[in-house]
mmCIF file of all heavy atoms, coordinates in Angstrom:
data_MODEL
# 
_entry.id   MODEL 
# 
loop_
_atom_site.group_PDB 
_atom_site.id 
_atom_site.type_symbol 
_atom_site.label_atom_id 
_atom_site.label_alt_id 
_atom_site.label_comp_id 
_atom_site.label_asym_id 
_atom_site.label_entity_id 
_atom_site.label_seq_id 
_atom_site.pdbx_PDB_ins_code 
_atom_site.Cartn_x 
_atom_site.Cartn_y 
_atom_site.Cartn_z 
_atom_site.occupancy 
_atom_site.B_iso_or_equiv 
_atom_site.pdbx_formal_charge 
_atom_site.auth_seq_id 
_atom_site.auth_comp_id 
_atom_site.auth_asym_id 
_atom_site.auth_atom_id 
_atom_site.pdbx_PDB_model_num 
ATOM 1   N N   . HIS A 1 1  ? 0.797  -1.213 -0.011 1.00 0.00 ? 1  HIS A N   1 
ATOM 2   C CA  . HIS A 1 1  ? 0.012  0.002  0.008  1.00 0.00 ? 1  HIS A CA  1 
ATOM 3   C C   . HIS A 1 1  ? 0.831  1.305  0.010  1.00 0.00 ? 1  HIS A C   1 
ATOM 4   O O   . HIS A 1 1  ? 0.288  2.393  -0.208 1.00 0.00 ? 1  HIS A O   1 
ATOM 5   C CB  . HIS A 1 1  ? -0.933 0.005  1.214  1.00 0.00 ? 1  HIS A CB  1 
ATOM 6   C CG  . HIS A 1 1  ? -0.214 0.064  2.547  1.00 0.00 ? 1  HIS A CG  1 
ATOM 7   N ND1 . HIS A 1 1  ? 0.581  -0.950 3.000  1.00 0.00 ? 1  HIS A ND1 1 
ATOM 8   C CD2 . HIS A 1 1  ? -0.137 1.040  3.485  1.00 0.00 ? 1  HIS A CD2 1 
ATOM 9   C CE1 . HIS A 1 1  ? 1.076  -0.643 4.185  1.00 0.00 ? 1  HIS A CE1 1 
ATOM 10  N NE2 . HIS A 1 1  ? 0.657  0.607  4.490  1.00 0.00 ? 1  HIS A NE2 1 
ATOM 11  N N   . VAL A 1 2  ? 2.158  1.137  0.178  1.00 0.00 ? 2  VAL A N   1 
ATOM 12  C CA  . VAL A 1 2  ? 2.953  2.317  0.301  1.00 0.00 ? 2  VAL A CA  1 
ATOM 13  C C   . VAL A 1 2  ? 4.411  2.075  0.182  1.00 0.00 ? 2  VAL A C   1 
ATOM 14  O O   . VAL A 1 2  ? 4.894  0.946  0.420  1.00 0.00 ? 2  VAL A O   1 
ATOM 15  C CB  . VAL A 1 2  ? 2.719  3.041  1.712  1.00 0.00 ? 2  VAL A CB  1 
ATOM 16  C CG1 . VAL A 1 2  ? 3.353  2.224  2.869  1.00 0.00 ? 2  VAL A CG1 1 
ATOM 17  C CG2 . VAL A 1 2  ? 3.289  4.453  1.730  1.00 0.00 ? 2  VAL A CG2 1 
ATOM 18  N N   . THR A 1 3  ? 5.165  3.022  -0.322 1.00 0.00 ? 3  THR A N   1 
ATOM 19  C CA  . THR A 1 3  ? 6.627  3.010  -0.357 1.00 0.00 ? 3  THR A CA  1 
ATOM 20  C C   . THR A 1 3  ? 7.132  4.226  0.409  1.00 0.00 ? 3  THR A C   1 
ATOM 21  O O   . THR A 1 3  ? 6.769  5.384  0.069  1.00 0.00 ? 3  THR A O   1 
ATOM 22  C CB  . THR A 1 3  ? 7.202  2.995  -1.792 1.00 0.00 ? 3  THR A CB  1 
ATOM 23  O OG1 . THR A 1 3  ? 6.762  1.866  -2.463 1.00 0.00 ? 3  THR A OG1 1 
ATOM 24  C CG2 . THR A 1 3  ? 8.728  2.958  -1.727 1.00 0.00 ? 3  THR A CG2 1 
ATOM 25  N N   . ILE A 1 4  ? 7.981  3.994  1.426  1.00 0.00 ? 4  ILE A N   1 
ATOM 26  C CA  . ILE A 1 4  ? 8.526  5.094  2.204  1.00 0.00 ? 4  ILE A CA  1 
ATOM 27  C C   . ILE A 1 4  ? 10.005 5.207  1.871  1.00 0.00 ? 4  ILE A C   1 
ATOM 28  O O   . ILE A 1 4  ? 10.743 4.181  2.024  1.00 0.00 ? 4  ILE A O   1 
ATOM 29  C CB  . ILE A 1 4  ? 8.324  4.853  3.746  1.00 0.00 ? 4  ILE A CB  1 
ATOM 30  C CG1 . ILE A 1 4  ? 6.814  4.710  4.052  1.00 0.00 ? 4  ILE A CG1 1 
ATOM 31  C CG2 . ILE A 1 4  ? 8.954  5.979  4.522  1.00 0.00 ? 4  ILE A CG2 1 
ATOM 32  C CD1 . ILE A 1 4  ? 6.545  4.223  5.441  1.00 0.00 ? 4  ILE A CD1 1 
ATOM 33  N N   . ARG A 1 5  ? 10.410 6.346  1.470  1.00 0.00 ? 5  ARG A N   1 
ATOM 34  C CA  . ARG A 1 5  ? 11.827 6.579  1.078  1.00 0.00 ? 5  ARG A CA  1 
ATOM 35  C C   . ARG A 1 5  ? 12.491 7.412  2.125  1.00 0.00 ? 5  ARG A C   1 
ATOM 36  O O   . ARG A 1 5  ? 12.122 8.579  2.345  1.00 0.00 ? 5  ARG A O   1 
ATOM 37  C CB  . ARG A 1 5  ? 11.808 7.273  -0.289 1.00 0.00 ? 5  ARG A CB  1 
ATOM 38  C CG  . ARG A 1 5  ? 11.097 6.490  -1.364 1.00 0.00 ? 5  ARG A CG  1 
ATOM 39  C CD  . ARG A 1 5  ? 10.608 7.379  -2.498 1.00 0.00 ? 5  ARG A CD  1 
ATOM 40  N NE  . ARG A 1 5  ? 9.902  6.552  -3.546 1.00 0.00 ? 5  ARG A NE  1 
ATOM 41  C CZ  . ARG A 1 5  ? 8.579  6.388  -3.500 1.00 0.00 ? 5  ARG A CZ  1 
ATOM 42  N NH1 . ARG A 1 5  ? 7.853  6.863  -2.514 1.00 0.00 ? 5  ARG A NH1 1 
ATOM 43  N NH2 . ARG A 1 5  ? 8.039  5.648  -4.476 1.00 0.00 ? 5  ARG A NH2 1 
ATOM 44  N N   . LEU A 1 6  ? 13.441 6.840  2.836  1.00 0.00 ? 6  LEU A N   1 
ATOM 45  C CA  . LEU A 1 6  ? 14.006 7.476  3.995  1.00 0.00 ? 6  LEU A CA  1 
ATOM 46  C C   . LEU A 1 6  ? 15.432 7.984  3.699  1.00 0.00 ? 6  LEU A C   1 
ATOM 47  O O   . LEU A 1 6  ? 16.347 7.215  3.305  1.00 0.00 ? 6  LEU A O   1 
ATOM 48  C CB  . LEU A 1 6  ? 14.136 6.440  5.193  1.00 0.00 ? 6  LEU A CB  1 
ATOM 49  C CG  . LEU A 1 6  ? 12.863 6.123  5.935  1.00 0.00 ? 6  LEU A CG  1 
ATOM 50  C CD1 . LEU A 1 6  ? 13.131 4.950  6.845  1.00 0.00 ? 6  LEU A CD1 1 
ATOM 51  C CD2 . LEU A 1 6  ? 12.310 7.349  6.640  1.00 0.00 ? 6  LEU A CD2 1 
ATOM 52  N N   . LEU A 1 7  ? 15.608 9.223  3.911  1.00 0.00 ? 7  LEU A N   1 
ATOM 53  C CA  . LEU A 1 7  ? 16.901 9.899  3.763  1.00 0.00 ? 7  LEU A CA  1 
ATOM 54  C C   . LEU A 1 7  ? 17.345 10.199 5.207  1.00 0.00 ? 7  LEU A C   1 
ATOM 55  O O   . LEU A 1 7  ? 16.640 10.872 5.969  1.00 0.00 ? 7  LEU A O   1 
ATOM 56  C CB  . LEU A 1 7  ? 16.704 11.241 3.005  1.00 0.00 ? 7  LEU A CB  1 
ATOM 57  C CG  . LEU A 1 7  ? 17.929 11.960 2.514  1.00 0.00 ? 7  LEU A CG  1 
ATOM 58  C CD1 . LEU A 1 7  ? 18.648 11.196 1.424  1.00 0.00 ? 7  LEU A CD1 1 
ATOM 59  C CD2 . LEU A 1 7  ? 17.495 13.360 1.992  1.00 0.00 ? 7  LEU A CD2 1 
ATOM 60  N N   . THR A 1 8  ? 18.521 9.718  5.604  1.00 0.00 ? 8  THR A N   1 
ATOM 61  C CA  . THR A 1 8  ? 18.956 9.816  7.008  1.00 0.00 ? 8  THR A CA  1 
ATOM 62  C C   . THR A 1 8  ? 20.399 10.175 7.111  1.00 0.00 ? 8  THR A C   1 
ATOM 63  O O   . THR A 1 8  ? 21.226 9.753  6.290  1.00 0.00 ? 8  THR A O   1 
ATOM 64  C CB  . THR A 1 8  ? 18.728 8.435  7.704  1.00 0.00 ? 8  THR A CB  1 
ATOM 65  O OG1 . THR A 1 8  ? 17.416 8.033  7.568  1.00 0.00 ? 8  THR A OG1 1 
ATOM 66  C CG2 . THR A 1 8  ? 19.095 8.534  9.169  1.00 0.00 ? 8  THR A CG2 1 
ATOM 67  N N   . SER A 1 9  ? 20.744 11.018 8.090  1.00 0.00 ? 9  SER A N   1 
ATOM 68  C CA  . SER A 1 9  ? 22.069 11.339 8.471  1.00 0.00 ? 9  SER A CA  1 
ATOM 69  C C   . SER A 1 9  ? 22.287 11.151 9.957  1.00 0.00 ? 9  SER A C   1 
ATOM 70  O O   . SER A 1 9  ? 21.443 11.454 10.729 1.00 0.00 ? 9  SER A O   1 
ATOM 71  C CB  . SER A 1 9  ? 22.435 12.807 8.090  1.00 0.00 ? 9  SER A CB  1 
ATOM 72  O OG  . SER A 1 9  ? 22.486 12.961 6.668  1.00 0.00 ? 9  SER A OG  1 
ATOM 73  N N   . VAL A 1 10 ? 23.490 10.615 10.285 1.00 0.00 ? 10 VAL A N   1 
ATOM 74  C CA  . VAL A 1 10 ? 23.839 10.383 11.695 1.00 0.00 ? 10 VAL A CA  1 
ATOM 75  C C   . VAL A 1 10 ? 25.233 10.967 11.904 1.00 0.00 ? 10 VAL A C   1 
ATOM 76  O O   . VAL A 1 10 ? 26.134 10.848 11.052 1.00 0.00 ? 10 VAL A O   1 
ATOM 77  C CB  . VAL A 1 10 ? 23.819 8.899  12.030 1.00 0.00 ? 10 VAL A CB  1 
ATOM 78  C CG1 . VAL A 1 10 ? 24.122 8.662  13.515 1.00 0.00 ? 10 VAL A CG1 1 
ATOM 79  C CG2 . VAL A 1 10 ? 22.508 8.233  11.677 1.00 0.00 ? 10 VAL A CG2 1 
ATOM 80  N N   . ALA A 1 11 ? 25.478 11.558 13.069 1.00 0.00 ? 11 ALA A N   1 
ATOM 81  C CA  . ALA A 1 11 ? 26.755 12.206 13.346 1.00 0.00 ? 11 ALA A CA  1 
ATOM 82  C C   . ALA A 1 11 ? 26.990 12.269 14.879 1.00 0.00 ? 11 ALA A C   1 
ATOM 83  O O   . ALA A 1 11 ? 26.097 11.982 15.649 1.00 0.00 ? 11 ALA A O   1 
ATOM 84  C CB  . ALA A 1 11 ? 26.880 13.583 12.697 1.00 0.00 ? 11 ALA A CB  1 
ATOM 85  N N   . LYS A 1 12 ? 28.198 12.628 15.205 1.00 0.00 ? 12 LYS A N   1 
ATOM 86  C CA  . LYS A 1 12 ? 28.583 12.904 16.581 1.00 0.00 ? 12 LYS A CA  1 
ATOM 87  C C   . LYS A 1 12 ? 28.562 14.394 16.818 1.00 0.00 ? 12 LYS A C   1 
ATOM 88  O O   . LYS A 1 12 ? 28.929 15.183 15.961 1.00 0.00 ? 12 LYS A O   1 
ATOM 89  C CB  . LYS A 1 12 ? 29.956 12.311 16.879 1.00 0.00 ? 12 LYS A CB  1 
ATOM 90  C CG  . LYS A 1 12 ? 30.070 10.794 16.835 1.00 0.00 ? 12 LYS A CG  1 
ATOM 91  C CD  . LYS A 1 12 ? 29.340 10.186 18.024 1.00 0.00 ? 12 LYS A CD  1 
ATOM 92  C CE  . LYS A 1 12 ? 29.551 8.691  18.109 1.00 0.00 ? 12 LYS A CE  1 
ATOM 93  N NZ  . LYS A 1 12 ? 28.791 8.084  19.246 1.00 0.00 ? 12 LYS A NZ  1 
ATOM 94  N N   . SER A 1 13 ? 28.222 14.718 18.085 1.00 0.00 ? 13 SER A N   1 
ATOM 95  C CA  . SER A 1 13 ? 28.361 16.135 18.510 1.00 0.00 ? 13 SER A CA  1 
ATOM 96  C C   . SER A 1 13 ? 29.807 16.479 18.611 1.00 0.00 ? 13 SER A C   1 
ATOM 97  O O   . SER A 1 13 ? 30.694 15.611 18.565 1.00 0.00 ? 13 SER A O   1 
ATOM 98  C CB  . SER A 1 13 ? 27.605 16.334 19.826 1.00 0.00 ? 13 SER A CB  1 
ATOM 99  O OG  . SER A 1 13 ? 28.201 15.571 20.863 1.00 0.00 ? 13 SER A OG  1 
ATOM 100 N N   . PRO A 1 14 ? 30.151 17.748 18.789 1.00 0.00 ? 14 PRO A N   1 
ATOM 101 C CA  . PRO A 1 14 ? 31.550 18.174 18.704 1.00 0.00 ? 14 PRO A CA  1 
ATOM 102 C C   . PRO A 1 14 ? 32.553 17.405 19.528 1.00 0.00 ? 14 PRO A C   1 
ATOM 103 O O   . PRO A 1 14 ? 33.659 17.085 19.071 1.00 0.00 ? 14 PRO A O   1 
ATOM 104 C CB  . PRO A 1 14 ? 31.532 19.645 19.135 1.00 0.00 ? 14 PRO A CB  1 
ATOM 105 C CG  . PRO A 1 14 ? 30.181 20.055 18.685 1.00 0.00 ? 14 PRO A CG  1 
ATOM 106 C CD  . PRO A 1 14 ? 29.276 18.909 18.927 1.00 0.00 ? 14 PRO A CD  1 
ATOM 107 N N   . SER A 1 15 ? 32.208 17.079 20.791 1.00 0.00 ? 15 SER A N   1 
ATOM 108 C CA  . SER A 1 15 ? 33.115 16.360 21.622 1.00 0.00 ? 15 SER A CA  1 
ATOM 109 C C   . SER A 1 15 ? 32.878 14.837 21.589 1.00 0.00 ? 15 SER A C   1 
ATOM 110 O O   . SER A 1 15 ? 33.667 14.075 22.195 1.00 0.00 ? 15 SER A O   1 
ATOM 111 C CB  . SER A 1 15 ? 32.965 16.807 23.093 1.00 0.00 ? 15 SER A CB  1 
ATOM 112 O OG  . SER A 1 15 ? 31.763 16.312 23.672 1.00 0.00 ? 15 SER A OG  1 
ATOM 113 N N   . GLY A 1 16 ? 31.922 14.438 20.845 1.00 0.00 ? 16 GLY A N   1 
ATOM 114 C CA  . GLY A 1 16 ? 31.564 13.030 20.798 1.00 0.00 ? 16 GLY A CA  1 
ATOM 115 C C   . GLY A 1 16 ? 30.564 12.622 21.905 1.00 0.00 ? 16 GLY A C   1 
ATOM 116 O O   . GLY A 1 16 ? 30.229 11.423 21.999 1.00 0.00 ? 16 GLY A O   1 
ATOM 117 N N   . LYS A 1 17 ? 30.133 13.537 22.707 1.00 0.00 ? 17 LYS A N   1 
ATOM 118 C CA  . LYS A 1 17 ? 29.233 13.236 23.834 1.00 0.00 ? 17 LYS A CA  1 
ATOM 119 C C   . LYS A 1 17 ? 27.942 12.684 23.330 1.00 0.00 ? 17 LYS A C   1 
ATOM 120 O O   . LYS A 1 17 ? 27.380 11.747 23.977 1.00 0.00 ? 17 LYS A O   1 
ATOM 121 C CB  . LYS A 1 17 ? 29.003 14.510 24.635 1.00 0.00 ? 17 LYS A CB  1 
ATOM 122 C CG  . LYS A 1 17 ? 28.014 14.338 25.806 1.00 0.00 ? 17 LYS A CG  1 
ATOM 123 C CD  . LYS A 1 17 ? 27.794 15.688 26.524 1.00 0.00 ? 17 LYS A CD  1 
ATOM 124 C CE  . LYS A 1 17 ? 26.870 15.523 27.686 1.00 0.00 ? 17 LYS A CE  1 
ATOM 125 N NZ  . LYS A 1 17 ? 26.615 16.829 28.361 1.00 0.00 ? 17 LYS A NZ  1 
ATOM 126 N N   . HIS A 1 18 ? 27.341 13.179 22.291 1.00 0.00 ? 18 HIS A N   1 
ATOM 127 C CA  . HIS A 1 18 ? 26.098 12.768 21.784 1.00 0.00 ? 18 HIS A CA  1 
ATOM 128 C C   . HIS A 1 18 ? 26.131 12.241 20.366 1.00 0.00 ? 18 HIS A C   1 
ATOM 129 O O   . HIS A 1 18 ? 26.976 12.697 19.550 1.00 0.00 ? 18 HIS A O   1 
ATOM 130 C CB  . HIS A 1 18 ? 25.061 13.936 21.865 1.00 0.00 ? 18 HIS A CB  1 
ATOM 131 C CG  . HIS A 1 18 ? 24.652 14.326 23.217 1.00 0.00 ? 18 HIS A CG  1 
ATOM 132 N ND1 . HIS A 1 18 ? 24.015 13.446 24.025 1.00 0.00 ? 18 HIS A ND1 1 
ATOM 133 C CD2 . HIS A 1 18 ? 24.742 15.492 23.886 1.00 0.00 ? 18 HIS A CD2 1 
ATOM 134 C CE1 . HIS A 1 18 ? 23.732 14.003 25.175 1.00 0.00 ? 18 HIS A CE1 1 
ATOM 135 N NE2 . HIS A 1 18 ? 24.197 15.287 25.130 1.00 0.00 ? 18 HIS A NE2 1 
ATOM 136 N N   . THR A 1 19 ? 25.275 11.341 20.060 1.00 0.00 ? 19 THR A N   1 
ATOM 137 C CA  . THR A 1 19 ? 24.971 10.969 18.668 1.00 0.00 ? 19 THR A CA  1 
ATOM 138 C C   . THR A 1 19 ? 23.692 11.695 18.281 1.00 0.00 ? 19 THR A C   1 
ATOM 139 O O   . THR A 1 19 ? 22.699 11.739 19.042 1.00 0.00 ? 19 THR A O   1 
ATOM 140 C CB  . THR A 1 19 ? 24.735 9.473  18.506 1.00 0.00 ? 19 THR A CB  1 
ATOM 141 O OG1 . THR A 1 19 ? 25.919 8.816  18.933 1.00 0.00 ? 19 THR A OG1 1 
ATOM 142 C CG2 . THR A 1 19 ? 24.394 9.080  17.120 1.00 0.00 ? 19 THR A CG2 1 
ATOM 143 N N   . VAL A 1 20 ? 23.706 12.237 17.110 1.00 0.00 ? 20 VAL A N   1 
ATOM 144 C CA  . VAL A 1 20 ? 22.577 13.003 16.602 1.00 0.00 ? 20 VAL A CA  1 
ATOM 145 C C   . VAL A 1 20 ? 22.110 12.402 15.277 1.00 0.00 ? 20 VAL A C   1 
ATOM 146 O O   . VAL A 1 20 ? 22.971 12.024 14.449 1.00 0.00 ? 20 VAL A O   1 
ATOM 147 C CB  . VAL A 1 20 ? 22.920 14.531 16.315 1.00 0.00 ? 20 VAL A CB  1 
ATOM 148 C CG1 . VAL A 1 20 ? 21.722 15.286 15.863 1.00 0.00 ? 20 VAL A CG1 1 
ATOM 149 C CG2 . VAL A 1 20 ? 23.505 15.095 17.613 1.00 0.00 ? 20 VAL A CG2 1 
ATOM 150 N N   . ALA A 1 21 ? 20.843 12.262 15.092 1.00 0.00 ? 21 ALA A N   1 
ATOM 151 C CA  . ALA A 1 21 ? 20.307 11.668 13.789 1.00 0.00 ? 21 ALA A CA  1 
ATOM 152 C C   . ALA A 1 21 ? 19.143 12.490 13.299 1.00 0.00 ? 21 ALA A C   1 
ATOM 153 O O   . ALA A 1 21 ? 18.338 13.021 14.092 1.00 0.00 ? 21 ALA A O   1 
ATOM 154 C CB  . ALA A 1 21 ? 19.923 10.243 14.019 1.00 0.00 ? 21 ALA A CB  1 
ATOM 155 N N   . ALA A 1 22 ? 19.020 12.583 11.959 1.00 0.00 ? 22 ALA A N   1 
ATOM 156 C CA  . ALA A 1 22 ? 17.854 13.203 11.361 1.00 0.00 ? 22 ALA A CA  1 
ATOM 157 C C   . ALA A 1 22 ? 17.466 12.399 10.167 1.00 0.00 ? 22 ALA A C   1 
ATOM 158 O O   . ALA A 1 22 ? 18.309 11.808 9.452  1.00 0.00 ? 22 ALA A O   1 
ATOM 159 C CB  . ALA A 1 22 ? 18.182 14.619 10.942 1.00 0.00 ? 22 ALA A CB  1 
ATOM 160 N N   . SER A 1 23 ? 16.176 12.337 9.897  1.00 0.00 ? 23 SER A N   1 
ATOM 161 C CA  . SER A 1 23 ? 15.657 11.562 8.761  1.00 0.00 ? 23 SER A CA  1 
ATOM 162 C C   . SER A 1 23 ? 14.493 12.295 8.151  1.00 0.00 ? 23 SER A C   1 
ATOM 163 O O   . SER A 1 23 ? 13.752 13.029 8.856  1.00 0.00 ? 23 SER A O   1 
ATOM 164 C CB  . SER A 1 23 ? 15.204 10.185 9.299  1.00 0.00 ? 23 SER A CB  1 
ATOM 165 O OG  . SER A 1 23 ? 14.708 9.373  8.229  1.00 0.00 ? 23 SER A OG  1 
ATOM 166 N N   . ASN A 1 24 ? 14.298 12.189 6.848  1.00 0.00 ? 24 ASN A N   1 
ATOM 167 C CA  . ASN A 1 24 ? 13.066 12.745 6.241  1.00 0.00 ? 24 ASN A CA  1 
ATOM 168 C C   . ASN A 1 24 ? 12.573 11.871 5.121  1.00 0.00 ? 24 ASN A C   1 
ATOM 169 O O   . ASN A 1 24 ? 13.297 10.938 4.638  1.00 0.00 ? 24 ASN A O   1 
ATOM 170 C CB  . ASN A 1 24 ? 13.315 14.154 5.850  1.00 0.00 ? 24 ASN A CB  1 
ATOM 171 C CG  . ASN A 1 24 ? 14.267 14.387 4.684  1.00 0.00 ? 24 ASN A CG  1 
ATOM 172 O OD1 . ASN A 1 24 ? 14.439 13.478 3.885  1.00 0.00 ? 24 ASN A OD1 1 
ATOM 173 N ND2 . ASN A 1 24 ? 14.841 15.572 4.606  1.00 0.00 ? 24 ASN A ND2 1 
ATOM 174 N N   . SER A 1 25 ? 11.405 12.194 4.660  1.00 0.00 ? 25 SER A N   1 
ATOM 175 C CA  . SER A 1 25 ? 10.745 11.399 3.554  1.00 0.00 ? 25 SER A CA  1 
ATOM 176 C C   . SER A 1 25 ? 9.770  12.238 2.818  1.00 0.00 ? 25 SER A C   1 
ATOM 177 O O   . SER A 1 25 ? 9.092  13.134 3.394  1.00 0.00 ? 25 SER A O   1 
ATOM 178 C CB  . SER A 1 25 ? 10.055 10.159 4.159  1.00 0.00 ? 25 SER A CB  1 
ATOM 179 O OG  . SER A 1 25 ? 9.399  9.455  3.158  1.00 0.00 ? 25 SER A OG  1 
ATOM 180 N N   . PHE A 1 26 ? 9.631  12.001 1.491  1.00 0.00 ? 26 PHE A N   1 
ATOM 181 C CA  . PHE A 1 26 ? 8.560  12.640 0.757  1.00 0.00 ? 26 PHE A CA  1 
ATOM 182 C C   . PHE A 1 26 ? 7.227  12.049 1.113  1.00 0.00 ? 26 PHE A C   1 
ATOM 183 O O   . PHE A 1 26 ? 7.144  10.845 1.464  1.00 0.00 ? 26 PHE A O   1 
ATOM 184 C CB  . PHE A 1 26 ? 8.780  12.397 -0.732 1.00 0.00 ? 26 PHE A CB  1 
ATOM 185 C CG  . PHE A 1 26 ? 9.897  13.192 -1.388 1.00 0.00 ? 26 PHE A CG  1 
ATOM 186 C CD1 . PHE A 1 26 ? 11.055 12.542 -1.823 1.00 0.00 ? 26 PHE A CD1 1 
ATOM 187 C CD2 . PHE A 1 26 ? 9.806  14.610 -1.489 1.00 0.00 ? 26 PHE A CD2 1 
ATOM 188 C CE1 . PHE A 1 26 ? 12.080 13.282 -2.433 1.00 0.00 ? 26 PHE A CE1 1 
ATOM 189 C CE2 . PHE A 1 26 ? 10.849 15.321 -2.084 1.00 0.00 ? 26 PHE A CE2 1 
ATOM 190 C CZ  . PHE A 1 26 ? 11.984 14.675 -2.491 1.00 0.00 ? 26 PHE A CZ  1 
ATOM 191 N N   . ILE A 1 27 ? 6.197  12.852 1.064  1.00 0.00 ? 27 ILE A N   1 
ATOM 192 C CA  . ILE A 1 27 ? 4.796  12.388 1.086  1.00 0.00 ? 27 ILE A CA  1 
ATOM 193 C C   . ILE A 1 27 ? 4.140  12.850 -0.250 1.00 0.00 ? 27 ILE A C   1 
ATOM 194 O O   . ILE A 1 27 ? 4.008  14.025 -0.522 1.00 0.00 ? 27 ILE A O   1 
ATOM 195 C CB  . ILE A 1 27 ? 3.981  12.974 2.288  1.00 0.00 ? 27 ILE A CB  1 
ATOM 196 C CG1 . ILE A 1 27 ? 4.640  12.629 3.590  1.00 0.00 ? 27 ILE A CG1 1 
ATOM 197 C CG2 . ILE A 1 27 ? 2.535  12.492 2.223  1.00 0.00 ? 27 ILE A CG2 1 
ATOM 198 C CD1 . ILE A 1 27 ? 3.902  13.244 4.768  1.00 0.00 ? 27 ILE A CD1 1 
# 
């Protein structure tokens, strides 16, 4: 019933303390 196309980036914060991720998709 659907195709979801996921664009994602993952990175470390400046000191490496945190992992940050963002993702998006067309509708």
